[in-house]
Every structure is written in structure tokens, then in C-alpha cells.
């Protein structure tokens, strides 16, 4: 039986030293994602986790080879005045996928067990494990659930979060809304005839990055580019040597002015549709839909998958009916008061949702207000 040893990485210097073996591990994974790369994790920690503590668990095979990495950190949160220490993945929010990084030559369950056993031995340093956006396509997600539930003194909650649409670009089953996609392709042809220029897969984004930053900030109020730390993160990420050939940048211009742009990622097999933006003055021309159509058709020649990432906007299912699901896993010591406080607010909310209370209360409130203002006669049916 294989034997494993575990080491913890808790300093930025040691984290920096993991760059090459970390990326080698990701490159060998059965289900790699762009968000697993060292560059994503290192720069995210520096710019988004300045108040958090590293707790990276490195699992080595007896041969000395890295078999797995758990890219964790510990963040402090307060619930009802109580300090709760939460184990989370380093990348959060703007990273659409997260998971334990496991080499395909080794048993997933054994690596996950080594990671969670390490955390259990150091349970004085944390109160709750709360990791989100673990994708259903990677079996490691379910090993985390299975192993965590095997600890009899732990409670485990699994929550479905967001669907993820992925289009197969090669041979195999593809079901699409042909009418909608035909319109998008025809729209693209019309734009080109009207003088719009389409650029897909540009190798150098530096010239157009300021225009994209400005457009995305204006198009999306919640854009990470609207925050100083978000801008610093993406500046460092896009300038990283390891990301140089992994960025997807495309845009449509009219009279020398960009009107729709996309910043995303590519690896050897997959394209990530990550940050689209559009000039709202050209909304009626449907330049965003036309650009997406151009990007999909361009990469269909060279790649296997087109990943629309989190969210279930209507236009995504025009291209595919293939869905995965991202989930959240929360695990904690059942007897922990800090964990109880951490979970209390959400448990009440979920219980109320299951009973239909939020909607029922809102409807009842509207009825009361309507009666007060004389809009609904007392005793009228609702």
C-alpha cells in the first residue's frame, strides 16, 4: 500500500518556492483548470488575502514526488461577536473552480484522507472548513464529501451552488439552439459588411488592456477591476511569465473604437469565457453575441471544450445543453461553539426558505399595506 507524508506551507517564501512543482502537478491532473495554476493562487493570496494565513497542505508519495496539494488558507470572520477561523481555498470569488490538486497516478481518496487527517490533527488552528465552487465533473469533489463524513465527530453539509455550461467543440454529442446561433452568425456577417472589424485570439493584450479595463469597469458595477486590489491582481496575473500563452483576448472594433471585448483563458484543450464587456451604445447591434459567436467558431478548429463558467444566462444554453454543477462543502467539529455560531444565520435562512417563509412574509406584507391604502377591500380573495 502506498505511503504518504504531509508537509505544511505557511509562509509566502515557501509558497513562492512551490511554483514549478505546483504547475507540473496541475499540468498532469485529469481535470485541470486555469484557476488551479500557481500564478492564480500566489497573486490572489498577495492581493486578496493580506489578512489571512496560509495553510497549504502538500502530500508527498514515499518516492518524494508531490501527489497532491490542498491550496488552503485560514480567514477570520465574526459571527454575533464571536471570532470564527475558517479554512478556505486560496482563490475565491473571481475563481470559478476550486478543488484539491491531485496527481492522476495516485488514489484520490487516499490523498484527500491525508489532507483532512492533517487538518484534524491541527484542529486547534481552525473552526470550520468552508470551500466552494468544487465542480461535479471532478470526482475529487465527492471524495472530499465522503472522507469528511467518515469523521464521526464532524458534521458535513453539501450545497448545490451554480450550474456550469460546457460546449463540446469536437466529435460527440452537441445539442444547440440552431435558430439562435444562426442569428448570431448572420449578425456577425452583417457587422463585418457594415465596417466592423473582428479580432480573435490576439497573442499580445498589453496594447488593448487599458481599453478593456475601462470598458469592463463601466459595463459591470461589480467588476473586480473597479477595486484597487482587483486591478493589481489582474495586472500581476497578466504580466506573469506562466500566463503568457494562456490568455484569450478578442474584440470587435468600429471606426477604430472597441465596442465589444473579451478577456479569458485557454489551455491545450479548453477555452474559458471569463470576462466579456460591451459598449452599451452598441447594444442594439448585438455586438456581444456576435463576438461570442466568432470566438466559439474560431476555437472549434483547435480546442476540445468551450467553458462558459458559472452562471446560467440564457445565451449559454443556446450553445449547449451540457451542464455540470459547482458545489459548496462545509465541515466542522459537531461540538464546536464557534462552528455553531458560524452556521446559525445561514441555517435559519435555509430553514425559512424551505418553509417558504421569506416569500410568504413579503406577500403578506404587501397585502397588509394594500389594505391600509385601500387597494384591496377587506375580505377580498387573494
Protein backbone atom coordinates (compact mmCIF):
# COMPACT_ATOMS: atom_id res chain seq x y z
CA UNK A 1 0.00 0.00 0.00
CA UNK A 2 1.28 3.46 -0.92
CA UNK A 3 2.54 5.61 1.93
CA UNK A 4 2.34 9.38 2.06
CA UNK A 5 3.81 12.17 4.13
CA UNK A 6 2.35 15.62 4.68
CA UNK A 7 4.01 18.99 5.00
CA UNK A 8 2.50 22.42 5.58
CA UNK A 9 3.40 25.58 3.74
CA UNK A 10 2.61 28.63 5.84
CA UNK A 11 4.97 31.35 4.56
CA UNK A 12 4.93 33.36 1.34
CA UNK A 13 8.57 32.44 0.72
CA UNK A 14 7.85 28.70 0.85
CA UNK A 15 4.75 29.25 -1.29
CA UNK A 16 6.86 31.01 -3.91
CA UNK A 17 9.25 28.07 -3.98
CA UNK A 18 6.44 25.69 -4.96
CA UNK A 19 5.87 27.34 -8.34
CA UNK A 20 7.40 24.75 -10.67
CA UNK A 21 6.25 21.53 -8.94
CA UNK A 22 2.81 23.11 -8.36
CA UNK A 23 2.30 23.87 -12.06
CA UNK A 24 3.72 20.49 -13.05
CA UNK A 25 1.10 18.86 -10.83
CA UNK A 26 -1.71 20.93 -12.38
CA UNK A 27 -0.47 20.08 -15.87
CA UNK A 28 -0.71 16.37 -15.07
CA UNK A 29 -4.17 16.47 -13.47
CA UNK A 30 -7.05 14.60 -15.08
CA UNK A 31 -9.31 17.63 -14.64
CA UNK A 32 -7.00 20.67 -14.60
CA UNK A 33 -8.38 24.20 -14.51
CA UNK A 34 -6.72 27.52 -15.24
CA UNK A 35 -7.64 28.74 -11.75
CA UNK A 36 -5.51 25.96 -10.19
CA UNK A 37 -2.25 27.37 -11.56
CA UNK A 38 0.33 28.67 -9.11
CA UNK A 39 0.11 32.15 -10.63
CA UNK A 40 -3.59 32.41 -9.86
CA UNK A 41 -3.14 31.27 -6.27
CA UNK A 42 0.04 33.20 -5.47
CA UNK A 43 -1.13 36.55 -6.81
CA UNK A 44 -4.62 36.11 -5.40
CA UNK A 45 -3.21 35.49 -1.94
CA UNK A 46 -0.99 38.57 -2.15
CA UNK A 47 -3.76 40.91 -3.26
CA UNK A 48 -6.95 39.45 -1.78
CA UNK A 49 -5.76 37.61 1.33
CA UNK A 50 -3.47 40.07 3.05
CA UNK A 51 -5.18 39.48 6.41
CA UNK A 52 -5.37 35.68 6.06
CA UNK A 53 -2.93 32.90 6.91
CA UNK A 54 -1.54 30.31 4.53
CA UNK A 55 -2.29 26.67 5.31
CA UNK A 56 -1.22 24.83 2.15
CA UNK A 57 -1.13 21.06 2.64
CA UNK A 58 1.40 19.27 0.41
CA UNK A 59 1.06 15.49 0.20
CA UNK A 60 4.13 13.56 -0.97
CA UNK A 61 4.40 9.96 -2.05
CA UNK A 62 7.13 7.87 -0.39
CA UNK A 63 9.17 8.40 -3.58
CA UNK A 64 9.29 12.12 -2.75
CA UNK A 65 7.01 13.07 -5.61
CA UNK A 66 4.17 15.52 -4.89
CA UNK A 67 0.93 13.54 -5.07
CA UNK A 68 -1.44 16.33 -4.08
CA UNK A 69 -1.77 19.91 -2.90
CA UNK A 70 -4.60 21.44 -0.89
CA UNK A 71 -4.40 25.20 -1.64
CA UNK A 72 -5.86 26.37 1.68
CA UNK A 73 -5.67 29.41 3.88
CA UNK A 74 -7.39 30.47 7.11
CA UNK A 75 -9.52 33.61 7.31
CA UNK A 76 -11.01 35.16 10.42
CA UNK A 77 -14.69 36.12 10.39
CA UNK A 78 -17.02 37.33 13.11
CA UNK A 79 -20.48 35.98 13.80
CA UNK A 80 -22.54 37.51 16.61
CA UNK A 81 -19.34 38.93 18.06
CA UNK A 82 -17.62 35.54 18.07
CA UNK A 83 -14.34 35.02 16.19
CA UNK A 84 -14.50 32.06 13.79
CA UNK A 85 -11.45 30.71 11.94
CA UNK A 86 -12.45 29.39 8.54
CA UNK A 87 -10.38 27.15 6.26
CA UNK A 88 -10.99 28.25 2.67
CA UNK A 89 -9.35 27.75 -0.70
CA UNK A 90 -6.84 30.48 -1.52
CA UNK A 91 -8.67 31.52 -4.69
CA UNK A 92 -12.25 32.60 -4.09
CA UNK A 93 -14.94 34.82 -5.64
CA UNK A 94 -13.38 35.58 -9.04
CA UNK A 95 -12.10 31.99 -9.46
CA UNK A 96 -14.83 29.83 -10.98
CA UNK A 97 -13.37 26.45 -9.99
CA UNK A 98 -11.54 25.26 -6.88
CA UNK A 99 -10.51 21.86 -5.58
CA UNK A 100 -7.73 19.76 -4.14
CA UNK A 101 -5.00 19.26 -6.75
CA UNK A 102 -4.34 15.53 -7.14
CA UNK A 103 -1.94 13.72 -9.47
CA UNK A 104 -3.76 11.07 -11.54
CA UNK A 105 -1.21 8.37 -10.63
CA UNK A 106 -2.46 8.33 -7.03
CA UNK A 107 -5.71 7.36 -5.35
CA UNK A 108 -7.93 10.41 -4.83
CA UNK A 109 -9.44 9.09 -1.63
CA UNK A 110 -6.04 8.48 -0.05
CA UNK A 111 -4.80 11.97 -0.90
CA UNK A 112 -7.99 13.58 0.41
CA UNK A 113 -7.71 11.48 3.59
CA UNK A 114 -4.13 12.65 4.11
CA UNK A 115 -5.21 16.29 3.75
CA UNK A 116 -8.22 16.07 6.07
CA UNK A 117 -6.30 13.99 8.62
CA UNK A 118 -3.69 16.76 8.68
CA UNK A 119 -6.37 19.36 9.32
CA UNK A 120 -7.91 17.18 12.01
CA UNK A 121 -4.58 16.90 13.81
CA UNK A 122 -4.29 20.70 13.73
CA UNK A 123 -7.88 21.39 14.76
CA UNK A 124 -6.75 23.94 17.32
CA UNK A 125 -5.99 26.29 14.40
CA UNK A 126 -9.42 26.37 12.74
CA UNK A 127 -13.15 26.05 13.47
CA UNK A 128 -14.85 25.48 10.10
CA UNK A 129 -13.85 24.20 6.66
CA UNK A 130 -15.90 26.09 4.07
CA UNK A 131 -14.88 25.55 0.44
CA UNK A 132 -17.00 26.49 -2.57
CA UNK A 133 -17.07 26.09 -6.35
CA UNK A 134 -15.91 22.47 -6.38
CA UNK A 135 -17.07 21.13 -9.75
CA UNK A 136 -19.08 17.93 -10.11
CA UNK A 137 -17.02 16.85 -13.12
CA UNK A 138 -14.02 16.19 -10.86
CA UNK A 139 -14.50 13.09 -8.66
CA UNK A 140 -12.20 14.64 -6.06
CA UNK A 141 -15.17 16.75 -5.03
CA UNK A 142 -17.09 13.68 -3.89
CA UNK A 143 -14.05 12.17 -2.20
CA UNK A 144 -13.88 15.30 -0.04
CA UNK A 145 -17.51 14.75 0.97
CA UNK A 146 -17.03 11.03 1.57
CA UNK A 147 -13.85 11.35 3.64
CA UNK A 148 -15.19 14.28 5.70
CA UNK A 149 -18.37 12.34 6.51
CA UNK A 150 -16.18 9.48 7.71
CA UNK A 151 -15.03 11.53 10.70
CA UNK A 152 -17.70 10.72 13.28
CA UNK A 153 -17.06 13.90 15.28
CA UNK A 154 -17.59 16.12 12.21
CA UNK A 155 -20.76 17.44 10.65
CA UNK A 156 -20.77 17.93 6.88
CA UNK A 157 -23.12 19.99 4.70
CA UNK A 158 -23.16 19.89 0.90
CA UNK A 159 -24.90 22.64 -1.04
CA UNK A 160 -25.50 22.90 -4.80
CA UNK A 161 -24.37 26.33 -5.99
CA UNK A 162 -24.25 27.21 -9.67
CA UNK A 163 -24.66 25.30 -12.94
CA UNK A 164 -21.84 25.44 -15.45
CA UNK A 165 -22.42 25.13 -19.21
CA UNK A 166 -19.68 23.49 -21.31
CA UNK A 167 -19.85 23.05 -25.08
CA UNK A 168 -18.12 20.16 -26.78
CA UNK A 169 -16.19 21.57 -29.76
CA UNK A 170 -15.14 18.23 -31.22
CA UNK A 171 -16.82 15.00 -32.23
CA UNK A 172 -19.55 13.84 -29.89
CA UNK A 173 -22.96 14.90 -28.76
CA UNK A 174 -23.71 18.59 -29.26
CA UNK A 175 -27.23 19.97 -28.91
CA UNK A 176 -27.66 23.67 -29.64
CA UNK A 177 -30.33 26.23 -30.40
CA UNK A 178 -29.66 26.35 -34.13
CA UNK A 179 -32.06 29.23 -34.76
CA UNK A 180 -30.44 31.49 -32.17
CA UNK A 181 -26.90 30.65 -33.28
CA UNK A 182 -27.79 31.20 -36.92
CA UNK A 183 -28.98 34.69 -36.00
CA UNK A 184 -25.71 35.39 -34.14
CA UNK A 185 -23.60 34.26 -37.09
CA UNK A 186 -25.70 36.29 -39.50
CA UNK A 187 -25.38 39.31 -37.22
CA UNK A 188 -21.59 38.90 -37.30
CA UNK A 189 -21.60 38.82 -41.11
CA UNK A 190 -23.76 41.96 -41.21
CA UNK A 191 -21.44 43.81 -38.83
CA UNK A 192 -18.42 42.94 -40.95
CA UNK A 193 -20.21 44.21 -44.06
CA UNK A 194 -21.02 47.43 -42.19
CA UNK A 195 -17.36 48.09 -41.42
CA UNK A 196 -16.91 46.42 -38.04
CA UNK A 197 -13.60 44.57 -37.62
CA UNK A 198 -13.27 41.33 -35.63
CA UNK A 199 -10.07 40.25 -33.88
CA UNK A 200 -9.98 36.84 -32.18
CA UNK A 201 -7.18 35.24 -30.18
CA UNK A 202 -4.72 38.14 -30.06
CA UNK A 203 -1.33 36.99 -28.73
CA UNK A 204 -0.49 40.30 -27.02
CA UNK A 205 -3.05 42.01 -24.81
CA UNK A 206 -0.87 44.84 -23.48
CA UNK A 207 -1.88 47.34 -26.17
CA UNK A 208 -5.60 46.83 -25.56
CA UNK A 209 -5.64 46.14 -21.81
CA UNK A 210 -6.37 49.77 -20.78
CA UNK A 211 -9.36 49.89 -23.15
CA UNK A 212 -10.65 46.58 -21.84
CA UNK A 213 -10.21 47.65 -18.21
CA UNK A 214 -12.18 50.83 -18.83
CA UNK A 215 -14.95 49.05 -20.75
CA UNK A 216 -15.37 46.27 -18.17
CA UNK A 217 -15.47 48.73 -15.28
CA UNK A 218 -18.26 50.69 -16.96
CA UNK A 219 -20.18 47.61 -18.12
CA UNK A 220 -20.16 45.80 -14.75
CA UNK A 221 -20.63 47.62 -11.47
CA UNK A 222 -19.30 44.57 -9.58
CA UNK A 223 -16.24 44.17 -11.80
CA UNK A 224 -13.11 43.30 -9.78
CA UNK A 225 -11.40 45.92 -11.93
CA UNK A 226 -13.38 48.53 -10.00
CA UNK A 227 -11.29 47.82 -6.89
CA UNK A 228 -7.61 48.71 -6.39
CA UNK A 229 -6.65 45.22 -5.24
CA UNK A 230 -8.54 43.69 -8.17
CA UNK A 231 -6.67 45.84 -10.67
CA UNK A 232 -3.35 45.00 -9.02
CA UNK A 233 -4.18 41.29 -9.10
CA UNK A 234 -5.01 41.24 -12.81
CA UNK A 235 -2.01 43.42 -13.65
CA UNK A 236 0.29 40.91 -11.95
CA UNK A 237 -1.56 37.91 -13.40
CA UNK A 238 -1.48 39.13 -17.00
CA UNK A 239 2.21 40.00 -16.74
CA UNK A 240 3.19 36.61 -15.31
CA UNK A 241 5.51 34.56 -17.47
CA UNK A 242 3.46 31.42 -16.80
CA UNK A 243 0.26 33.05 -18.08
CA UNK A 244 1.70 34.49 -21.27
CA UNK A 245 0.32 31.77 -23.58
CA UNK A 246 -2.82 31.09 -21.55
CA UNK A 247 -4.83 34.26 -22.11
CA UNK A 248 -7.67 34.68 -24.59
CA UNK A 249 -8.23 38.21 -25.87
CA UNK A 250 -10.68 39.16 -28.61
CA UNK A 251 -12.63 42.25 -29.62
CA UNK A 252 -14.81 43.92 -32.23
CA UNK A 253 -13.99 47.48 -33.26
CA UNK A 254 -15.86 50.11 -35.23
CA UNK A 255 -14.05 53.08 -36.72
CA UNK A 256 -11.02 52.31 -34.56
CA UNK A 257 -13.05 52.12 -31.34
CA UNK A 258 -13.55 48.81 -29.46
CA UNK A 259 -17.26 48.08 -28.99
CA UNK A 260 -17.16 44.54 -27.56
CA UNK A 261 -14.24 42.80 -25.86
CA UNK A 262 -13.42 39.54 -24.12
CA UNK A 263 -10.65 38.61 -21.72
CA UNK A 264 -10.44 34.93 -20.84
CA UNK A 265 -8.13 31.97 -20.84
CA UNK A 266 -7.07 28.99 -22.93
CA UNK A 267 -5.15 25.84 -22.20
CA UNK A 268 -4.28 22.97 -24.52
CA UNK A 269 -7.83 21.61 -24.53
CA UNK A 270 -10.27 24.25 -23.31
CA UNK A 271 -11.35 27.86 -23.76
CA UNK A 272 -12.68 29.83 -20.77
CA UNK A 273 -15.29 32.53 -21.44
CA UNK A 274 -14.39 34.70 -18.47
CA UNK A 275 -14.77 38.50 -18.75
CA UNK A 276 -16.93 39.83 -21.59
CA UNK A 277 -17.70 43.53 -21.91
CA UNK A 278 -19.67 45.64 -24.36
CA UNK A 279 -20.16 49.30 -25.11
CA UNK A 280 -23.83 49.85 -24.30
CA UNK A 281 -24.13 52.37 -27.12
CA UNK A 282 -23.88 49.38 -29.48
CA UNK A 283 -26.31 47.15 -27.62
CA UNK A 284 -28.86 47.20 -30.45
CA UNK A 285 -26.21 45.90 -32.86
CA UNK A 286 -25.79 42.84 -30.60
CA UNK A 287 -22.02 43.10 -30.82
CA UNK A 288 -21.55 40.96 -27.70
CA UNK A 289 -23.42 37.99 -29.17
CA UNK A 290 -21.57 38.39 -32.46
CA UNK A 291 -18.18 38.40 -30.72
CA UNK A 292 -19.01 35.28 -28.73
CA UNK A 293 -20.06 33.51 -31.93
CA UNK A 294 -16.77 34.45 -33.57
CA UNK A 295 -14.75 33.20 -30.58
CA UNK A 296 -16.55 29.83 -30.42
CA UNK A 297 -16.19 29.21 -34.16
CA UNK A 298 -12.52 30.23 -34.09
CA UNK A 299 -11.53 27.84 -31.31
CA UNK A 300 -13.65 24.98 -32.62
CA UNK A 301 -10.76 24.38 -35.05
CA UNK A 302 -8.14 23.84 -32.34
CA UNK A 303 -9.73 23.03 -28.96
CA UNK A 304 -11.98 20.40 -27.40
CA UNK A 305 -14.18 22.35 -24.97
CA UNK A 306 -15.65 25.82 -24.54
CA UNK A 307 -16.39 26.53 -20.89
CA UNK A 308 -18.95 29.28 -20.20
CA UNK A 309 -18.11 29.14 -16.48
CA UNK A 310 -20.52 29.92 -13.63
CA UNK A 311 -23.99 31.25 -14.17
CA UNK A 312 -26.91 30.22 -16.31
CA UNK A 313 -27.55 33.18 -18.60
CA UNK A 314 -29.89 32.28 -21.45
CA UNK A 315 -27.32 32.74 -24.20
CA UNK A 316 -25.11 29.98 -22.78
CA UNK A 317 -27.69 27.26 -23.36
CA UNK A 318 -28.04 28.39 -26.97
CA UNK A 319 -24.68 26.67 -27.43
CA UNK A 320 -25.06 23.54 -25.33
CA UNK A 321 -27.23 21.50 -23.01
CA UNK A 322 -24.17 20.03 -21.28
CA UNK A 323 -24.21 21.12 -17.64
CA UNK A 324 -22.00 20.48 -14.64
CA UNK A 325 -22.71 21.72 -11.12
CA UNK A 326 -20.50 23.58 -8.66
CA UNK A 327 -20.98 22.72 -5.01
CA UNK A 328 -20.05 24.01 -1.57
CA UNK A 329 -18.79 21.77 1.23
CA UNK A 330 -18.90 22.89 4.85
CA UNK A 331 -17.34 20.64 7.51
CA UNK A 332 -16.80 21.30 11.20
CA UNK A 333 -16.46 19.65 14.58
CA UNK A 334 -20.01 18.99 15.78
CA UNK A 335 -19.21 20.11 19.33
CA UNK A 336 -17.69 23.44 18.28
CA UNK A 337 -19.50 26.52 19.57
CA UNK A 338 -17.70 28.74 17.03
CA UNK A 339 -18.97 26.49 14.23
CA UNK A 340 -22.48 26.67 15.68
CA UNK A 341 -22.39 30.47 15.62
CA UNK A 342 -20.90 30.49 12.10
CA UNK A 343 -23.69 28.26 10.75
CA UNK A 344 -26.60 29.74 12.71
CA UNK A 345 -27.57 32.60 10.42
CA UNK A 346 -27.47 30.53 7.24
CA UNK A 347 -29.25 27.59 8.89
CA UNK A 348 -32.12 29.87 9.89
CA UNK A 349 -32.27 31.36 6.41
CA UNK A 350 -32.28 27.97 4.70
CA UNK A 351 -34.91 26.65 7.09
CA UNK A 352 -37.08 29.68 6.34
CA UNK A 353 -36.59 29.20 2.60
CA UNK A 354 -37.56 25.53 2.85
CA UNK A 355 -40.77 26.59 4.61
CA UNK A 356 -41.46 29.30 2.05
CA UNK A 357 -41.39 31.98 4.74
CA UNK A 358 -39.49 34.82 3.01
CA UNK A 359 -41.84 34.86 0.05
CA UNK A 360 -44.91 34.30 2.21
CA UNK A 361 -43.95 37.12 4.59
CA UNK A 362 -43.31 39.50 1.68
CA UNK A 363 -46.67 38.67 0.14
CA UNK A 364 -48.44 39.09 3.48
CA UNK A 365 -46.75 42.45 3.96
CA UNK A 366 -47.89 43.64 0.56
CA UNK A 367 -51.47 42.59 1.36
CA UNK A 368 -51.42 44.49 4.67
CA UNK A 369 -50.05 47.61 3.02
CA UNK A 370 -52.59 47.36 0.21
CA UNK A 371 -55.46 47.09 2.72
CA UNK A 372 -54.12 50.08 4.65
CA UNK A 373 -54.06 52.13 1.48
CA UNK A 374 -57.45 50.84 0.37
CA UNK A 375 -56.20 48.99 -2.74
CA UNK A 376 -57.75 45.65 -1.69
CA UNK A 377 -61.14 45.56 0.02
CA UNK A 378 -61.09 43.71 3.37
CA UNK A 379 -62.16 40.11 2.88
CA UNK A 380 -61.40 40.09 -0.87
CA UNK A 381 -59.86 36.87 -2.22
CA UNK A 382 -56.07 36.92 -2.89
